[in-house]
N, C-alpha and C. Protein backbone atom coordinates (compact mmCIF):
# COMPACT_ATOMS: atom_id res chain seq x y z
N MET A 1 3.18 -93.27 -6.36
CA MET A 1 4.60 -93.11 -6.58
C MET A 1 5.28 -94.46 -6.38
N SER A 2 6.14 -94.83 -7.32
CA SER A 2 6.81 -96.13 -7.22
C SER A 2 8.03 -96.06 -6.32
N ALA A 3 8.43 -97.22 -5.84
CA ALA A 3 9.64 -97.28 -5.02
C ALA A 3 10.85 -97.00 -5.90
N ILE A 4 11.84 -96.35 -5.34
CA ILE A 4 13.05 -96.07 -6.10
C ILE A 4 13.90 -97.32 -6.15
N ALA A 5 14.27 -97.72 -7.36
CA ALA A 5 15.10 -98.90 -7.53
C ALA A 5 16.55 -98.55 -7.24
N THR A 6 17.24 -99.45 -6.60
CA THR A 6 18.67 -99.25 -6.40
C THR A 6 19.37 -99.74 -7.65
N PRO A 7 20.61 -99.31 -7.88
CA PRO A 7 21.33 -99.81 -9.05
C PRO A 7 21.37 -101.34 -9.10
N THR A 8 21.48 -101.98 -7.94
CA THR A 8 21.51 -103.44 -7.92
C THR A 8 20.20 -104.02 -8.43
N SER A 9 19.06 -103.52 -7.96
CA SER A 9 17.79 -104.07 -8.42
C SER A 9 17.52 -103.71 -9.87
N THR A 10 17.89 -102.52 -10.29
CA THR A 10 17.75 -102.15 -11.69
C THR A 10 18.59 -103.08 -12.55
N ARG A 11 19.85 -103.26 -12.17
CA ARG A 11 20.74 -104.15 -12.93
C ARG A 11 20.17 -105.57 -12.98
N ALA A 12 19.65 -106.06 -11.86
CA ALA A 12 19.10 -107.42 -11.83
C ALA A 12 17.93 -107.56 -12.80
N VAL A 13 17.05 -106.57 -12.84
CA VAL A 13 15.91 -106.61 -13.75
C VAL A 13 16.39 -106.57 -15.20
N VAL A 14 17.34 -105.71 -15.50
CA VAL A 14 17.86 -105.60 -16.86
C VAL A 14 18.55 -106.90 -17.28
N GLU A 15 19.35 -107.46 -16.41
CA GLU A 15 20.02 -108.72 -16.74
C GLU A 15 19.02 -109.84 -16.97
N GLU A 16 17.95 -109.87 -16.17
CA GLU A 16 16.91 -110.88 -16.37
C GLU A 16 16.19 -110.65 -17.68
N LEU A 17 15.91 -109.40 -18.03
CA LEU A 17 15.28 -109.10 -19.32
C LEU A 17 16.16 -109.61 -20.46
N LEU A 18 17.45 -109.32 -20.42
CA LEU A 18 18.36 -109.76 -21.48
C LEU A 18 18.41 -111.29 -21.57
N ARG A 19 18.39 -111.94 -20.42
CA ARG A 19 18.38 -113.41 -20.41
C ARG A 19 17.11 -113.94 -21.10
N ARG A 20 15.97 -113.34 -20.77
CA ARG A 20 14.71 -113.78 -21.38
C ARG A 20 14.67 -113.48 -22.87
N ILE A 21 15.19 -112.34 -23.27
CA ILE A 21 15.25 -112.03 -24.71
C ILE A 21 16.08 -113.10 -25.41
N GLY A 22 17.18 -113.49 -24.81
CA GLY A 22 18.03 -114.53 -25.37
C GLY A 22 17.30 -115.86 -25.51
N GLU A 23 16.40 -116.16 -24.59
CA GLU A 23 15.62 -117.40 -24.65
C GLU A 23 14.52 -117.33 -25.70
N GLY A 24 14.04 -116.11 -25.99
CA GLY A 24 13.10 -115.92 -27.09
C GLY A 24 11.63 -116.19 -26.84
N ASP A 25 11.17 -116.24 -25.60
CA ASP A 25 9.76 -116.46 -25.31
C ASP A 25 9.07 -115.10 -25.11
N PRO A 26 8.30 -114.64 -26.12
CA PRO A 26 7.70 -113.30 -26.04
C PRO A 26 6.86 -113.06 -24.78
N GLU A 27 6.12 -114.06 -24.32
CA GLU A 27 5.28 -113.88 -23.14
C GLU A 27 6.12 -113.70 -21.88
N GLN A 28 7.20 -114.46 -21.76
CA GLN A 28 8.09 -114.33 -20.61
C GLN A 28 8.83 -112.99 -20.64
N ILE A 29 9.19 -112.53 -21.82
CA ILE A 29 9.83 -111.22 -21.95
C ILE A 29 8.84 -110.13 -21.53
N ALA A 30 7.63 -110.21 -22.06
CA ALA A 30 6.61 -109.19 -21.78
C ALA A 30 6.27 -109.11 -20.30
N ALA A 31 6.40 -110.20 -19.57
CA ALA A 31 6.10 -110.20 -18.14
C ALA A 31 7.04 -109.29 -17.36
N MET A 32 8.15 -108.88 -17.96
CA MET A 32 9.11 -107.98 -17.32
C MET A 32 8.66 -106.52 -17.38
N TYR A 33 7.63 -106.23 -18.18
CA TYR A 33 7.18 -104.85 -18.41
C TYR A 33 5.97 -104.51 -17.55
N ALA A 34 5.86 -103.25 -17.18
CA ALA A 34 4.68 -102.75 -16.48
C ALA A 34 3.47 -102.86 -17.41
N LYS A 35 2.29 -102.82 -16.83
CA LYS A 35 1.07 -102.90 -17.63
C LYS A 35 1.08 -101.86 -18.74
N HIS A 36 1.55 -100.66 -18.42
CA HIS A 36 1.70 -99.59 -19.41
C HIS A 36 3.13 -99.10 -19.35
N SER A 37 3.73 -98.90 -20.52
CA SER A 37 5.11 -98.45 -20.56
C SER A 37 5.31 -97.44 -21.68
N ASP A 38 6.40 -96.72 -21.57
CA ASP A 38 6.80 -95.73 -22.58
C ASP A 38 7.81 -96.43 -23.48
N TRP A 39 7.37 -96.83 -24.65
CA TRP A 39 8.16 -97.66 -25.56
C TRP A 39 8.35 -96.92 -26.87
N LYS A 40 9.58 -96.61 -27.21
CA LYS A 40 9.86 -95.91 -28.46
C LYS A 40 11.05 -96.55 -29.14
N LEU A 41 11.02 -96.55 -30.46
CA LEU A 41 12.13 -97.05 -31.25
C LEU A 41 12.59 -95.94 -32.18
N ASP A 42 13.88 -95.82 -32.33
CA ASP A 42 14.47 -94.81 -33.19
C ASP A 42 14.21 -95.17 -34.64
N TRP A 43 13.39 -94.37 -35.30
CA TRP A 43 13.05 -94.64 -36.69
C TRP A 43 12.62 -93.32 -37.31
N PRO A 44 12.94 -93.10 -38.58
CA PRO A 44 12.51 -91.84 -39.21
C PRO A 44 11.00 -91.64 -39.08
N GLN A 45 10.58 -90.40 -39.00
CA GLN A 45 9.17 -90.08 -38.79
C GLN A 45 8.27 -90.45 -39.96
N THR A 46 8.84 -90.65 -41.16
CA THR A 46 8.02 -91.02 -42.31
C THR A 46 7.59 -92.47 -42.19
N GLU A 47 6.60 -92.85 -42.94
CA GLU A 47 6.12 -94.23 -42.93
C GLU A 47 6.91 -95.11 -43.89
N HIS A 48 7.87 -94.55 -44.63
CA HIS A 48 8.66 -95.32 -45.58
C HIS A 48 9.38 -96.46 -44.88
N GLY A 49 9.21 -97.65 -45.41
CA GLY A 49 9.90 -98.79 -44.85
C GLY A 49 9.13 -99.52 -43.78
N ARG A 50 8.06 -98.96 -43.27
CA ARG A 50 7.32 -99.61 -42.17
C ARG A 50 6.68 -100.93 -42.63
N ALA A 51 6.32 -101.04 -43.90
CA ALA A 51 5.69 -102.27 -44.37
C ALA A 51 6.64 -103.46 -44.23
N VAL A 52 7.93 -103.24 -44.41
CA VAL A 52 8.89 -104.34 -44.32
C VAL A 52 9.47 -104.49 -42.93
N THR A 53 9.24 -103.53 -42.05
CA THR A 53 9.74 -103.60 -40.67
C THR A 53 8.60 -103.23 -39.70
N PRO A 54 7.53 -104.02 -39.69
CA PRO A 54 6.36 -103.65 -38.88
C PRO A 54 6.60 -103.67 -37.37
N TRP A 55 7.62 -104.35 -36.90
CA TRP A 55 7.89 -104.39 -35.45
C TRP A 55 8.50 -103.08 -34.96
N ILE A 56 8.98 -102.26 -35.88
CA ILE A 56 9.61 -101.00 -35.48
C ILE A 56 8.54 -99.91 -35.41
N ARG A 57 7.96 -99.77 -34.23
CA ARG A 57 6.95 -98.74 -33.99
C ARG A 57 6.82 -98.53 -32.49
N HIS A 58 6.20 -97.44 -32.13
CA HIS A 58 5.99 -97.14 -30.72
C HIS A 58 4.93 -98.08 -30.16
N ARG A 59 5.08 -98.40 -28.89
CA ARG A 59 4.15 -99.30 -28.21
C ARG A 59 3.89 -98.76 -26.82
N SER A 60 2.89 -99.36 -26.12
CA SER A 60 2.59 -98.80 -24.80
C SER A 60 2.10 -99.81 -23.77
N SER A 61 1.99 -101.08 -24.12
CA SER A 61 1.43 -102.04 -23.16
C SER A 61 2.27 -103.32 -23.09
N ARG A 62 2.00 -104.10 -22.09
CA ARG A 62 2.67 -105.40 -21.94
C ARG A 62 2.35 -106.29 -23.14
N ALA A 63 1.10 -106.28 -23.61
CA ALA A 63 0.72 -107.07 -24.79
C ALA A 63 1.50 -106.59 -26.02
N ASP A 64 1.72 -105.27 -26.13
CA ASP A 64 2.52 -104.73 -27.22
C ASP A 64 3.95 -105.26 -27.17
N ALA A 65 4.49 -105.38 -25.96
CA ALA A 65 5.86 -105.89 -25.81
C ALA A 65 5.95 -107.31 -26.34
N ALA A 66 4.99 -108.15 -25.99
CA ALA A 66 4.98 -109.54 -26.49
C ALA A 66 4.87 -109.54 -28.01
N ALA A 67 3.99 -108.71 -28.55
CA ALA A 67 3.81 -108.64 -30.01
C ALA A 67 5.11 -108.21 -30.69
N HIS A 68 5.83 -107.27 -30.10
CA HIS A 68 7.10 -106.81 -30.66
C HIS A 68 8.06 -107.99 -30.85
N PHE A 69 8.24 -108.78 -29.82
CA PHE A 69 9.19 -109.88 -29.89
C PHE A 69 8.70 -111.01 -30.79
N ARG A 70 7.39 -111.21 -30.91
CA ARG A 70 6.85 -112.19 -31.87
C ARG A 70 7.13 -111.72 -33.30
N GLU A 71 6.92 -110.42 -33.56
CA GLU A 71 7.13 -109.89 -34.90
C GLU A 71 8.60 -109.93 -35.30
N ILE A 72 9.50 -109.65 -34.37
CA ILE A 72 10.92 -109.76 -34.68
C ILE A 72 11.23 -111.20 -35.11
N ALA A 73 10.73 -112.17 -34.38
CA ALA A 73 10.99 -113.58 -34.71
C ALA A 73 10.41 -113.95 -36.08
N GLU A 74 9.24 -113.43 -36.40
CA GLU A 74 8.60 -113.74 -37.68
C GLU A 74 9.39 -113.21 -38.87
N HIS A 75 10.09 -112.10 -38.70
CA HIS A 75 10.76 -111.43 -39.81
C HIS A 75 12.26 -111.69 -39.90
N HIS A 76 12.78 -112.51 -38.98
CA HIS A 76 14.21 -112.81 -38.98
C HIS A 76 14.44 -114.31 -38.93
N VAL A 77 15.66 -114.72 -39.27
CA VAL A 77 16.05 -116.13 -39.21
C VAL A 77 16.66 -116.36 -37.82
N PRO A 78 15.93 -117.03 -36.93
CA PRO A 78 16.40 -117.16 -35.54
C PRO A 78 17.77 -117.81 -35.39
N GLU A 79 18.08 -118.79 -36.22
CA GLU A 79 19.36 -119.49 -36.12
C GLU A 79 20.54 -118.59 -36.46
N LYS A 80 20.28 -117.46 -37.10
CA LYS A 80 21.35 -116.56 -37.51
C LYS A 80 21.34 -115.27 -36.70
N ALA A 81 20.65 -115.26 -35.58
CA ALA A 81 20.56 -114.06 -34.74
C ALA A 81 21.58 -114.12 -33.61
N ASP A 82 22.12 -112.96 -33.28
CA ASP A 82 23.05 -112.86 -32.17
C ASP A 82 23.03 -111.41 -31.68
N THR A 83 23.17 -111.24 -30.39
CA THR A 83 23.29 -109.91 -29.81
C THR A 83 24.51 -109.90 -28.91
N GLN A 84 25.35 -108.92 -29.12
CA GLN A 84 26.53 -108.72 -28.29
C GLN A 84 26.26 -107.53 -27.38
N VAL A 85 26.14 -107.79 -26.09
CA VAL A 85 25.99 -106.71 -25.12
C VAL A 85 27.39 -106.33 -24.66
N GLU A 86 27.74 -105.07 -24.87
CA GLU A 86 29.08 -104.61 -24.51
C GLU A 86 29.14 -103.98 -23.13
N ARG A 87 28.04 -103.36 -22.73
CA ARG A 87 28.08 -102.64 -21.46
C ARG A 87 26.66 -102.37 -20.98
N ILE A 88 26.49 -102.45 -19.67
CA ILE A 88 25.24 -102.04 -19.03
C ILE A 88 25.60 -100.96 -18.03
N LEU A 89 25.05 -99.77 -18.21
CA LEU A 89 25.30 -98.64 -17.33
C LEU A 89 24.04 -98.41 -16.51
N VAL A 90 24.19 -98.29 -15.19
CA VAL A 90 23.03 -98.14 -14.30
C VAL A 90 23.18 -96.88 -13.46
N ASN A 91 22.09 -96.12 -13.38
CA ASN A 91 22.03 -94.94 -12.54
C ASN A 91 20.64 -94.89 -11.92
N GLY A 92 20.50 -95.39 -10.71
CA GLY A 92 19.18 -95.42 -10.06
C GLY A 92 18.21 -96.31 -10.80
N ASP A 93 17.07 -95.75 -11.19
CA ASP A 93 16.04 -96.50 -11.91
C ASP A 93 16.38 -96.71 -13.38
N ASP A 94 17.37 -96.00 -13.89
CA ASP A 94 17.68 -96.03 -15.32
C ASP A 94 18.88 -96.91 -15.63
N ALA A 95 18.80 -97.56 -16.79
CA ALA A 95 19.92 -98.36 -17.29
C ALA A 95 20.02 -98.13 -18.79
N VAL A 96 21.25 -98.18 -19.29
CA VAL A 96 21.50 -98.12 -20.72
C VAL A 96 22.31 -99.35 -21.09
N VAL A 97 21.82 -100.07 -22.07
CA VAL A 97 22.50 -101.25 -22.58
C VAL A 97 23.09 -100.88 -23.94
N LEU A 98 24.38 -101.09 -24.10
CA LEU A 98 25.07 -100.79 -25.37
C LEU A 98 25.52 -102.08 -26.01
N GLY A 99 25.38 -102.16 -27.33
CA GLY A 99 25.83 -103.37 -27.99
C GLY A 99 25.57 -103.36 -29.48
N GLU A 100 25.53 -104.56 -30.03
CA GLU A 100 25.32 -104.74 -31.46
C GLU A 100 24.42 -105.95 -31.69
N ILE A 101 23.41 -105.78 -32.55
CA ILE A 101 22.59 -106.91 -32.94
C ILE A 101 23.06 -107.41 -34.30
N ARG A 102 22.95 -108.70 -34.48
CA ARG A 102 23.27 -109.34 -35.76
C ARG A 102 22.07 -110.19 -36.12
N GLN A 103 21.46 -109.87 -37.24
CA GLN A 103 20.25 -110.54 -37.66
C GLN A 103 20.33 -110.86 -39.15
N THR A 104 19.43 -111.71 -39.61
CA THR A 104 19.27 -111.99 -41.03
C THR A 104 17.79 -111.83 -41.36
N ALA A 105 17.51 -111.00 -42.35
CA ALA A 105 16.13 -110.75 -42.77
C ALA A 105 15.58 -112.00 -43.45
N ARG A 106 14.45 -112.48 -42.96
CA ARG A 106 13.84 -113.68 -43.53
C ARG A 106 13.43 -113.45 -44.99
N SER A 107 12.87 -112.29 -45.30
CA SER A 107 12.32 -112.04 -46.64
C SER A 107 13.39 -111.89 -47.72
N THR A 108 14.58 -111.42 -47.37
CA THR A 108 15.62 -111.19 -48.37
C THR A 108 16.84 -112.10 -48.20
N GLY A 109 16.99 -112.67 -47.02
CA GLY A 109 18.17 -113.48 -46.74
C GLY A 109 19.41 -112.65 -46.45
N ARG A 110 19.25 -111.33 -46.37
CA ARG A 110 20.39 -110.44 -46.11
C ARG A 110 20.69 -110.34 -44.62
N ALA A 111 21.97 -110.50 -44.31
CA ALA A 111 22.41 -110.33 -42.93
C ALA A 111 22.71 -108.86 -42.68
N TYR A 112 22.54 -108.44 -41.45
CA TYR A 112 22.92 -107.08 -41.08
C TYR A 112 23.41 -107.03 -39.65
N ARG A 113 24.15 -105.97 -39.37
CA ARG A 113 24.60 -105.66 -38.02
C ARG A 113 24.13 -104.24 -37.73
N ALA A 114 23.68 -104.03 -36.52
CA ALA A 114 23.22 -102.69 -36.14
C ALA A 114 23.65 -102.40 -34.71
N ARG A 115 24.38 -101.33 -34.52
CA ARG A 115 24.74 -100.88 -33.18
C ARG A 115 23.47 -100.36 -32.50
N PHE A 116 23.38 -100.52 -31.19
CA PHE A 116 22.20 -100.04 -30.48
C PHE A 116 22.55 -99.51 -29.10
N ALA A 117 21.65 -98.66 -28.62
CA ALA A 117 21.62 -98.24 -27.22
C ALA A 117 20.17 -98.43 -26.78
N LEU A 118 19.98 -99.13 -25.69
CA LEU A 118 18.65 -99.40 -25.15
C LEU A 118 18.56 -98.72 -23.79
N HIS A 119 17.66 -97.74 -23.68
CA HIS A 119 17.45 -97.02 -22.41
C HIS A 119 16.23 -97.60 -21.74
N LEU A 120 16.43 -98.17 -20.57
CA LEU A 120 15.36 -98.78 -19.80
C LEU A 120 15.19 -98.04 -18.47
N THR A 121 13.96 -97.97 -18.00
CA THR A 121 13.69 -97.48 -16.65
C THR A 121 12.94 -98.59 -15.93
N VAL A 122 13.38 -98.86 -14.71
CA VAL A 122 12.79 -99.92 -13.88
C VAL A 122 12.17 -99.26 -12.66
N GLU A 123 10.88 -99.55 -12.44
CA GLU A 123 10.17 -99.06 -11.27
C GLU A 123 9.41 -100.22 -10.65
N SER A 124 9.59 -100.41 -9.36
CA SER A 124 8.94 -101.50 -8.63
C SER A 124 9.18 -102.85 -9.30
N GLY A 125 10.37 -103.03 -9.84
CA GLY A 125 10.76 -104.31 -10.43
C GLY A 125 10.26 -104.55 -11.84
N LEU A 126 9.58 -103.57 -12.44
CA LEU A 126 9.07 -103.72 -13.81
C LEU A 126 9.62 -102.61 -14.70
N ILE A 127 9.73 -102.91 -15.98
CA ILE A 127 10.25 -101.93 -16.94
C ILE A 127 9.13 -101.00 -17.35
N THR A 128 9.37 -99.69 -17.18
CA THR A 128 8.37 -98.69 -17.53
C THR A 128 8.80 -97.85 -18.73
N ARG A 129 10.07 -97.91 -19.08
CA ARG A 129 10.56 -97.20 -20.28
C ARG A 129 11.44 -98.16 -21.07
N HIS A 130 11.22 -98.18 -22.40
CA HIS A 130 12.00 -99.00 -23.32
C HIS A 130 12.21 -98.14 -24.56
N HIS A 131 13.34 -97.47 -24.63
CA HIS A 131 13.67 -96.64 -25.79
C HIS A 131 14.88 -97.24 -26.47
N VAL A 132 14.76 -97.53 -27.76
CA VAL A 132 15.84 -98.13 -28.53
C VAL A 132 16.34 -97.13 -29.55
N TYR A 133 17.66 -96.97 -29.59
CA TYR A 133 18.32 -96.15 -30.60
C TYR A 133 19.23 -97.10 -31.35
N GLU A 134 18.94 -97.30 -32.63
CA GLU A 134 19.73 -98.27 -33.39
C GLU A 134 20.01 -97.74 -34.79
N ASP A 135 20.85 -98.45 -35.48
CA ASP A 135 21.19 -98.11 -36.86
C ASP A 135 20.03 -98.55 -37.75
N SER A 136 18.99 -97.74 -37.81
CA SER A 136 17.79 -98.11 -38.56
C SER A 136 18.05 -98.21 -40.06
N LEU A 137 19.04 -97.51 -40.57
CA LEU A 137 19.38 -97.62 -42.00
C LEU A 137 19.86 -99.03 -42.32
N ALA A 138 20.70 -99.61 -41.48
CA ALA A 138 21.18 -100.98 -41.70
C ALA A 138 20.00 -101.97 -41.71
N VAL A 139 19.06 -101.77 -40.81
CA VAL A 139 17.90 -102.64 -40.74
C VAL A 139 17.06 -102.49 -42.00
N ALA A 140 16.74 -101.26 -42.38
CA ALA A 140 15.91 -101.02 -43.56
C ALA A 140 16.56 -101.58 -44.83
N GLN A 141 17.86 -101.40 -44.98
CA GLN A 141 18.55 -101.89 -46.18
C GLN A 141 18.50 -103.42 -46.27
N ALA A 142 18.55 -104.10 -45.15
CA ALA A 142 18.48 -105.57 -45.17
C ALA A 142 17.13 -106.07 -45.65
N PHE A 143 16.07 -105.28 -45.45
CA PHE A 143 14.74 -105.70 -45.83
C PHE A 143 14.28 -105.13 -47.17
N THR A 144 15.09 -104.31 -47.81
CA THR A 144 14.73 -103.72 -49.09
C THR A 144 15.10 -104.69 -50.21
N HIS A 145 14.15 -104.96 -51.07
CA HIS A 145 14.39 -105.90 -52.19
C HIS A 145 15.19 -105.26 -53.28
């Protein structure tokens, strides 16, 4: 059984994760995750569109987390990326980050904005749950030729 995180420690872990995501080093980001985690992304159950958005899939390990952030970088124009975090809500081990991502698809040159909610769970200082709910239609349309 893991130690119960206080809102302060949960918030500190989430803020550090966001800082590392902003820096863009996949290995440093992945170090914030438990060896095994519950990682899900909001995406239609069909396989349509997965070829152009391969980073959008369920994952379960620290290595998967690093791969996720490498794949995002490969498929987007880093100089045109921005994330606006509007709010971080913390309740014990759980946190929800609300905001908007702004990206440009490398393959099409199309810019997009997508609102998101990121549900994280922190246990013993590591992230054990990473569930993203985003405007997947906006993402898919940016990558459609």
